[in-house]
N, C-alpha and C. Protein backbone atom coordinates (compact mmCIF):
# COMPACT_ATOMS: atom_id res chain seq x y z
N MET A 1 1.37 -11.26 10.93
CA MET A 1 2.11 -10.02 10.76
C MET A 1 2.00 -9.13 11.99
N SER A 2 1.51 -9.69 13.10
CA SER A 2 1.45 -8.86 14.29
C SER A 2 2.88 -8.56 14.74
N GLY A 3 3.11 -7.39 15.24
CA GLY A 3 4.43 -6.95 15.63
C GLY A 3 5.17 -6.25 14.50
N THR A 4 4.71 -6.40 13.28
CA THR A 4 5.33 -5.77 12.12
C THR A 4 4.85 -4.32 12.01
N LEU A 5 5.75 -3.44 11.64
CA LEU A 5 5.37 -2.06 11.41
C LEU A 5 5.21 -1.84 9.91
N ASN A 6 4.12 -1.19 9.52
CA ASN A 6 3.77 -0.95 8.13
C ASN A 6 3.50 0.53 7.92
N LEU A 7 3.30 0.89 6.66
CA LEU A 7 2.81 2.21 6.28
C LEU A 7 1.44 2.05 5.65
N ILE A 8 0.63 3.11 5.75
CA ILE A 8 -0.66 3.14 5.07
C ILE A 8 -0.74 4.47 4.32
N LYS A 9 -1.26 4.42 3.09
CA LYS A 9 -1.28 5.62 2.24
C LYS A 9 -2.48 5.58 1.31
N LEU A 10 -3.04 6.75 1.04
CA LEU A 10 -4.11 6.86 0.04
C LEU A 10 -3.52 6.59 -1.34
N CYS A 11 -4.23 5.86 -2.15
CA CYS A 11 -3.80 5.57 -3.52
C CYS A 11 -4.45 6.61 -4.43
N VAL A 12 -3.83 7.77 -4.49
CA VAL A 12 -4.37 8.90 -5.23
C VAL A 12 -4.31 8.62 -6.73
N GLY A 13 -5.41 8.88 -7.41
CA GLY A 13 -5.47 8.70 -8.84
C GLY A 13 -5.88 7.32 -9.29
N ALA A 14 -6.07 6.41 -8.34
CA ALA A 14 -6.50 5.05 -8.68
C ALA A 14 -7.79 4.75 -7.93
N GLU A 15 -8.72 4.13 -8.63
CA GLU A 15 -9.98 3.76 -8.00
C GLU A 15 -10.06 2.29 -7.66
N THR A 16 -9.21 1.49 -8.31
CA THR A 16 -9.22 0.05 -8.09
C THR A 16 -7.78 -0.46 -7.96
N VAL A 17 -7.65 -1.67 -7.45
CA VAL A 17 -6.33 -2.29 -7.36
C VAL A 17 -5.75 -2.46 -8.76
N LYS A 18 -6.58 -2.78 -9.72
CA LYS A 18 -6.11 -2.92 -11.11
C LYS A 18 -5.52 -1.61 -11.62
N ASP A 19 -6.13 -0.48 -11.27
CA ASP A 19 -5.56 0.82 -11.64
C ASP A 19 -4.14 0.96 -11.11
N LEU A 20 -3.93 0.55 -9.86
CA LEU A 20 -2.60 0.63 -9.24
C LEU A 20 -1.62 -0.28 -9.98
N THR A 21 -2.01 -1.52 -10.21
CA THR A 21 -1.08 -2.46 -10.86
C THR A 21 -0.80 -2.02 -12.30
N ASP A 22 -1.79 -1.47 -12.98
CA ASP A 22 -1.56 -0.95 -14.33
C ASP A 22 -0.55 0.20 -14.29
N TRP A 23 -0.72 1.12 -13.34
CA TRP A 23 0.20 2.26 -13.21
C TRP A 23 1.62 1.77 -12.94
N GLN A 24 1.76 0.75 -12.09
CA GLN A 24 3.09 0.30 -11.71
C GLN A 24 3.83 -0.42 -12.84
N THR A 25 3.15 -0.71 -13.95
CA THR A 25 3.85 -1.26 -15.12
C THR A 25 4.46 -0.14 -15.96
N ASN A 26 4.06 1.10 -15.68
CA ASN A 26 4.56 2.26 -16.40
C ASN A 26 6.00 2.56 -15.95
N PRO A 27 6.91 2.81 -16.88
CA PRO A 27 8.30 3.12 -16.50
C PRO A 27 8.42 4.29 -15.52
N ARG A 28 7.49 5.25 -15.56
CA ARG A 28 7.55 6.40 -14.64
C ARG A 28 7.30 5.99 -13.19
N ALA A 29 6.67 4.83 -12.97
CA ALA A 29 6.38 4.38 -11.62
C ALA A 29 7.48 3.48 -11.06
N LYS A 30 8.52 3.27 -11.85
CA LYS A 30 9.58 2.35 -11.45
C LYS A 30 10.88 3.10 -11.18
N GLY A 31 11.70 2.49 -10.33
CA GLY A 31 13.03 3.01 -10.09
C GLY A 31 13.99 2.50 -11.15
N PRO A 32 15.27 2.86 -11.04
CA PRO A 32 16.27 2.43 -12.01
C PRO A 32 16.40 0.90 -12.09
N ASP A 33 16.02 0.20 -11.02
CA ASP A 33 16.13 -1.26 -10.99
C ASP A 33 14.89 -1.95 -11.58
N GLY A 34 13.90 -1.16 -12.02
CA GLY A 34 12.69 -1.73 -12.61
C GLY A 34 11.62 -2.09 -11.60
N LEU A 35 11.87 -1.89 -10.32
CA LEU A 35 10.87 -2.19 -9.29
C LEU A 35 9.96 -0.99 -9.07
N PRO A 36 8.68 -1.25 -8.76
CA PRO A 36 7.79 -0.12 -8.49
C PRO A 36 8.23 0.61 -7.22
N ARG A 37 8.02 1.90 -7.23
CA ARG A 37 8.33 2.70 -6.03
C ARG A 37 7.37 3.85 -5.93
N HIS A 38 7.20 4.30 -4.72
CA HIS A 38 6.37 5.47 -4.46
C HIS A 38 7.28 6.50 -3.82
N VAL A 39 7.31 7.70 -4.38
CA VAL A 39 8.20 8.75 -3.89
C VAL A 39 7.40 9.70 -3.00
N THR A 40 7.97 9.99 -1.84
CA THR A 40 7.33 10.88 -0.88
C THR A 40 8.38 11.83 -0.31
N ARG A 41 7.93 12.97 0.19
CA ARG A 41 8.86 13.96 0.75
C ARG A 41 9.42 13.55 2.10
N MET A 42 8.61 12.86 2.89
CA MET A 42 9.02 12.53 4.26
C MET A 42 9.74 11.19 4.30
N TRP A 43 10.81 11.12 5.10
CA TRP A 43 11.55 9.88 5.27
C TRP A 43 11.11 9.26 6.60
N PRO A 44 10.66 8.01 6.59
CA PRO A 44 10.22 7.39 7.84
C PRO A 44 11.34 7.32 8.88
N LYS A 45 11.05 7.77 10.08
CA LYS A 45 12.03 7.72 11.16
C LYS A 45 12.22 6.29 11.67
N ARG A 46 11.23 5.45 11.45
CA ARG A 46 11.28 4.07 11.93
C ARG A 46 11.63 3.11 10.78
N GLU A 47 12.63 3.52 10.01
CA GLU A 47 13.05 2.79 8.81
C GLU A 47 13.39 1.33 9.10
N ALA A 48 14.19 1.08 10.12
CA ALA A 48 14.63 -0.29 10.41
C ALA A 48 13.43 -1.21 10.68
N GLU A 49 12.42 -0.70 11.40
CA GLU A 49 11.23 -1.51 11.69
C GLU A 49 10.44 -1.80 10.43
N LEU A 50 10.32 -0.81 9.54
CA LEU A 50 9.59 -1.01 8.29
C LEU A 50 10.27 -2.05 7.40
N LEU A 51 11.61 -2.03 7.39
CA LEU A 51 12.36 -2.93 6.52
C LEU A 51 12.47 -4.34 7.09
N ASP A 52 11.88 -4.55 8.26
CA ASP A 52 11.88 -5.87 8.89
C ASP A 52 10.54 -6.57 8.61
N GLY A 53 10.13 -6.58 7.33
CA GLY A 53 8.92 -7.29 6.93
C GLY A 53 7.69 -6.42 6.77
N GLY A 54 7.84 -5.10 6.79
CA GLY A 54 6.70 -4.21 6.67
C GLY A 54 6.18 -4.09 5.24
N SER A 55 4.94 -3.61 5.13
CA SER A 55 4.28 -3.42 3.84
C SER A 55 3.70 -2.02 3.77
N LEU A 56 3.39 -1.61 2.55
CA LEU A 56 2.64 -0.38 2.31
C LEU A 56 1.21 -0.81 1.99
N TYR A 57 0.27 -0.39 2.83
CA TYR A 57 -1.15 -0.68 2.63
C TYR A 57 -1.77 0.48 1.87
N TRP A 58 -2.49 0.16 0.80
CA TRP A 58 -3.09 1.17 -0.08
C TRP A 58 -4.58 1.34 0.22
N VAL A 59 -5.01 2.60 0.32
CA VAL A 59 -6.41 2.96 0.56
C VAL A 59 -7.02 3.47 -0.74
N PHE A 60 -8.13 2.85 -1.16
CA PHE A 60 -8.86 3.24 -2.37
C PHE A 60 -10.26 3.69 -1.95
N LYS A 61 -10.60 4.95 -2.25
CA LYS A 61 -11.95 5.46 -1.97
C LYS A 61 -12.39 5.15 -0.54
N GLY A 62 -11.51 5.34 0.42
CA GLY A 62 -11.84 5.16 1.82
C GLY A 62 -11.77 3.73 2.33
N VAL A 63 -11.20 2.81 1.53
CA VAL A 63 -11.12 1.41 1.94
C VAL A 63 -9.73 0.86 1.63
N VAL A 64 -9.10 0.22 2.61
CA VAL A 64 -7.84 -0.47 2.38
C VAL A 64 -8.16 -1.75 1.62
N LEU A 65 -7.51 -1.96 0.46
CA LEU A 65 -7.82 -3.13 -0.37
C LEU A 65 -6.61 -4.02 -0.66
N CYS A 66 -5.38 -3.48 -0.50
CA CYS A 66 -4.22 -4.30 -0.83
C CYS A 66 -2.98 -3.77 -0.12
N ARG A 67 -1.93 -4.56 -0.24
CA ARG A 67 -0.64 -4.15 0.33
C ARG A 67 0.48 -4.64 -0.58
N GLN A 68 1.64 -3.99 -0.43
CA GLN A 68 2.86 -4.41 -1.11
C GLN A 68 3.99 -4.36 -0.09
N ARG A 69 4.80 -5.41 -0.08
CA ARG A 69 5.92 -5.47 0.86
C ARG A 69 6.94 -4.38 0.51
N ILE A 70 7.46 -3.72 1.53
CA ILE A 70 8.49 -2.69 1.35
C ILE A 70 9.84 -3.38 1.30
N LEU A 71 10.56 -3.20 0.20
CA LEU A 71 11.86 -3.85 0.03
C LEU A 71 13.00 -3.01 0.58
N ARG A 72 12.92 -1.70 0.33
CA ARG A 72 13.96 -0.80 0.82
C ARG A 72 13.49 0.64 0.64
N LEU A 73 14.26 1.58 1.18
CA LEU A 73 14.00 3.00 1.00
C LEU A 73 15.21 3.60 0.31
N ASP A 74 14.98 4.24 -0.84
CA ASP A 74 16.06 4.86 -1.61
C ASP A 74 15.92 6.37 -1.56
N GLU A 75 17.06 7.05 -1.51
CA GLU A 75 17.02 8.50 -1.63
C GLU A 75 16.79 8.85 -3.09
N VAL A 76 15.89 9.81 -3.32
CA VAL A 76 15.56 10.24 -4.68
C VAL A 76 15.97 11.70 -4.82
N ASP A 77 16.78 11.97 -5.83
CA ASP A 77 17.25 13.32 -6.11
C ASP A 77 16.63 13.79 -7.43
N ARG A 78 15.79 14.81 -7.34
CA ARG A 78 15.17 15.36 -8.55
C ARG A 78 15.83 16.66 -8.97
N GLY A 79 17.01 16.92 -8.42
CA GLY A 79 17.78 18.10 -8.82
C GLY A 79 17.34 19.40 -8.21
N ASP A 80 16.44 19.37 -7.23
CA ASP A 80 15.96 20.61 -6.62
C ASP A 80 16.44 20.80 -5.19
N GLY A 81 17.36 19.93 -4.73
CA GLY A 81 17.90 20.04 -3.39
C GLY A 81 17.01 19.49 -2.29
N ILE A 82 15.87 18.92 -2.64
CA ILE A 82 14.96 18.34 -1.64
C ILE A 82 15.20 16.84 -1.57
N ARG A 83 15.52 16.36 -0.37
CA ARG A 83 15.73 14.92 -0.17
C ARG A 83 14.36 14.24 -0.12
N ARG A 84 14.15 13.28 -1.01
CA ARG A 84 12.89 12.54 -1.05
C ARG A 84 13.17 11.07 -0.77
N CYS A 85 12.12 10.38 -0.34
CA CYS A 85 12.21 8.96 -0.03
C CYS A 85 11.49 8.16 -1.11
N GLY A 86 12.20 7.26 -1.76
CA GLY A 86 11.59 6.33 -2.70
C GLY A 86 11.31 5.03 -1.98
N ILE A 87 10.04 4.75 -1.75
CA ILE A 87 9.65 3.50 -1.10
C ILE A 87 9.61 2.44 -2.19
N VAL A 88 10.59 1.55 -2.18
CA VAL A 88 10.71 0.52 -3.20
C VAL A 88 9.84 -0.66 -2.78
N LEU A 89 8.95 -1.08 -3.68
CA LEU A 89 7.93 -2.07 -3.35
C LEU A 89 8.11 -3.37 -4.12
N ASP A 90 7.70 -4.45 -3.48
CA ASP A 90 7.62 -5.74 -4.16
C ASP A 90 6.55 -5.60 -5.23
N PRO A 91 6.79 -6.06 -6.45
CA PRO A 91 5.77 -5.92 -7.48
C PRO A 91 4.51 -6.76 -7.22
N ASP A 92 4.61 -7.77 -6.35
CA ASP A 92 3.44 -8.59 -6.02
C ASP A 92 2.50 -7.80 -5.11
N VAL A 93 1.25 -7.67 -5.55
CA VAL A 93 0.23 -6.97 -4.78
C VAL A 93 -0.63 -8.02 -4.08
N VAL A 94 -0.73 -7.88 -2.76
CA VAL A 94 -1.49 -8.83 -1.94
C VAL A 94 -2.82 -8.20 -1.56
N ARG A 95 -3.91 -8.83 -1.93
CA ARG A 95 -5.25 -8.33 -1.57
C ARG A 95 -5.49 -8.57 -0.09
N VAL A 96 -6.16 -7.62 0.55
CA VAL A 96 -6.50 -7.74 1.98
C VAL A 96 -8.00 -7.55 2.16
N GLU A 97 -8.48 -7.94 3.33
CA GLU A 97 -9.89 -7.74 3.64
C GLU A 97 -10.20 -6.25 3.61
N GLY A 98 -11.35 -5.89 3.06
CA GLY A 98 -11.76 -4.49 3.03
C GLY A 98 -11.79 -3.91 4.43
N TYR A 99 -11.15 -2.76 4.61
CA TYR A 99 -11.02 -2.14 5.92
C TYR A 99 -11.21 -0.64 5.73
N PRO A 100 -12.23 -0.05 6.38
CA PRO A 100 -12.48 1.38 6.16
C PRO A 100 -11.38 2.26 6.77
N LYS A 101 -11.07 3.34 6.07
CA LYS A 101 -10.06 4.28 6.56
C LYS A 101 -10.44 5.67 6.10
N ARG A 102 -10.55 6.58 7.06
CA ARG A 102 -10.89 7.97 6.73
C ARG A 102 -9.74 8.64 5.99
N PRO A 103 -10.06 9.67 5.19
CA PRO A 103 -9.01 10.37 4.44
C PRO A 103 -7.97 11.00 5.37
N PHE A 104 -6.74 11.05 4.90
CA PHE A 104 -5.63 11.68 5.61
C PHE A 104 -4.60 12.09 4.57
N GLN A 105 -3.65 12.91 4.97
CA GLN A 105 -2.61 13.34 4.03
C GLN A 105 -1.33 12.57 4.31
N GLY A 106 -0.56 12.36 3.26
CA GLY A 106 0.73 11.69 3.43
C GLY A 106 0.56 10.22 3.73
N TRP A 107 1.45 9.69 4.54
CA TRP A 107 1.36 8.30 4.98
C TRP A 107 1.35 8.27 6.50
N ARG A 108 0.94 7.16 7.03
CA ARG A 108 0.91 6.96 8.48
C ARG A 108 1.49 5.58 8.77
N TYR A 109 1.97 5.41 9.99
CA TYR A 109 2.40 4.09 10.44
C TYR A 109 1.16 3.25 10.73
N LEU A 110 1.26 1.96 10.53
CA LEU A 110 0.19 1.02 10.80
C LEU A 110 0.82 -0.22 11.43
N THR A 111 0.41 -0.53 12.66
CA THR A 111 0.98 -1.70 13.33
C THR A 111 0.40 -2.98 12.73
N GLY A 112 1.11 -4.05 12.88
CA GLY A 112 0.64 -5.33 12.39
C GLY A 112 -0.67 -5.74 13.03
N GLU A 113 -0.87 -5.37 14.29
CA GLU A 113 -2.11 -5.71 15.00
C GLU A 113 -3.32 -4.99 14.40
N ASP A 114 -3.11 -3.80 13.85
CA ASP A 114 -4.20 -3.00 13.29
C ASP A 114 -4.38 -3.20 11.78
N ALA A 115 -3.48 -3.93 11.16
CA ALA A 115 -3.54 -4.12 9.71
C ALA A 115 -4.60 -5.15 9.34
N PRO A 116 -5.30 -4.92 8.21
CA PRO A 116 -6.28 -5.92 7.76
C PRO A 116 -5.57 -7.21 7.35
N ARG A 117 -6.29 -8.31 7.47
CA ARG A 117 -5.73 -9.62 7.12
C ARG A 117 -5.69 -9.80 5.60
N ASP A 118 -4.71 -10.59 5.18
CA ASP A 118 -4.63 -10.95 3.76
C ASP A 118 -5.83 -11.82 3.40
N LEU A 119 -6.31 -11.66 2.18
CA LEU A 119 -7.35 -12.54 1.68
C LEU A 119 -6.74 -13.90 1.34
N THR A 120 -7.49 -14.93 1.55
CA THR A 120 -7.02 -16.27 1.23
C THR A 120 -7.51 -16.68 -0.15
N ALA A 121 -6.98 -17.78 -0.65
CA ALA A 121 -7.43 -18.30 -1.95
C ALA A 121 -8.93 -18.54 -1.88
N GLY A 122 -9.64 -18.14 -2.90
CA GLY A 122 -11.09 -18.31 -2.92
C GLY A 122 -11.84 -17.17 -2.28
N SER A 123 -11.13 -16.17 -1.76
CA SER A 123 -11.80 -15.01 -1.16
C SER A 123 -12.33 -14.10 -2.25
N ILE A 124 -13.27 -13.24 -1.87
CA ILE A 124 -13.82 -12.26 -2.81
C ILE A 124 -12.80 -11.13 -2.94
N ALA A 125 -12.28 -10.95 -4.12
CA ALA A 125 -11.33 -9.87 -4.39
C ALA A 125 -11.68 -9.25 -5.74
N ASN A 126 -12.94 -8.98 -5.94
CA ASN A 126 -13.42 -8.52 -7.22
C ASN A 126 -13.41 -6.99 -7.27
N ASP A 127 -12.64 -6.45 -8.21
CA ASP A 127 -12.58 -5.00 -8.35
C ASP A 127 -13.90 -4.41 -8.81
N ASP A 128 -14.80 -5.26 -9.32
CA ASP A 128 -16.10 -4.75 -9.77
C ASP A 128 -17.03 -4.44 -8.62
N LEU A 129 -16.75 -4.98 -7.43
CA LEU A 129 -17.61 -4.72 -6.28
C LEU A 129 -17.23 -3.37 -5.66
N PRO A 130 -18.22 -2.58 -5.27
CA PRO A 130 -17.92 -1.31 -4.62
C PRO A 130 -17.20 -1.54 -3.29
N PRO A 131 -16.25 -0.67 -2.93
CA PRO A 131 -15.50 -0.83 -1.69
C PRO A 131 -16.39 -1.00 -0.45
N LYS A 132 -17.49 -0.24 -0.37
CA LYS A 132 -18.36 -0.36 0.81
C LYS A 132 -18.99 -1.74 0.89
N LEU A 133 -19.30 -2.35 -0.25
CA LEU A 133 -19.85 -3.71 -0.25
C LEU A 133 -18.79 -4.71 0.21
N LEU A 134 -17.55 -4.52 -0.22
CA LEU A 134 -16.47 -5.40 0.23
C LEU A 134 -16.33 -5.35 1.75
N ILE A 135 -16.44 -4.14 2.33
CA ILE A 135 -16.37 -4.00 3.79
C ILE A 135 -17.52 -4.74 4.44
N ALA A 136 -18.73 -4.53 3.93
CA ALA A 136 -19.91 -5.18 4.50
C ALA A 136 -19.78 -6.70 4.44
N LEU A 137 -19.29 -7.23 3.33
CA LEU A 137 -19.11 -8.68 3.21
C LEU A 137 -18.08 -9.18 4.22
N SER A 138 -17.01 -8.42 4.39
CA SER A 138 -16.00 -8.81 5.36
C SER A 138 -16.55 -8.81 6.79
N GLU A 139 -17.39 -7.81 7.10
CA GLU A 139 -17.97 -7.71 8.45
C GLU A 139 -18.89 -8.87 8.78
N VAL A 140 -19.55 -9.46 7.78
CA VAL A 140 -20.44 -10.59 8.05
C VAL A 140 -19.74 -11.93 7.83
N GLY A 141 -18.43 -11.89 7.60
CA GLY A 141 -17.67 -13.13 7.51
C GLY A 141 -17.54 -13.72 6.13
N VAL A 142 -17.95 -13.00 5.09
CA VAL A 142 -17.79 -13.49 3.72
C VAL A 142 -16.47 -12.93 3.22
N ARG A 143 -15.51 -13.79 2.99
CA ARG A 143 -14.18 -13.31 2.61
C ARG A 143 -13.84 -13.83 1.27
């Protein structure tokens, strides 16, 4: 995925990847097409690059744990005159190697070179493990 442009965002209100996937089954987390989406006030200026294979990487308690491919960006109208961006996501959640990330507001761009690698089959992807332990295991080569 090097060369790919992605987004990274804090997963507010969720402590585990399971919390995120559970939320995304809720009709309130879906667009009219039934796909999960995340609504934000800011519209990415680098839309074309994001839609060329980019993903949204989710940060849980200071650790990036998963990603979802960005399918498209939809305009969301909530009747208040504010143009919002609905980031429409692939429902498949891909676990990634634990990667520490300090708190920030909103979303940020993340290059493919800086993105954590996807976990492979047989990797440790246990939501019961604390995020800091997942990082430590990744640093010593246990994936």
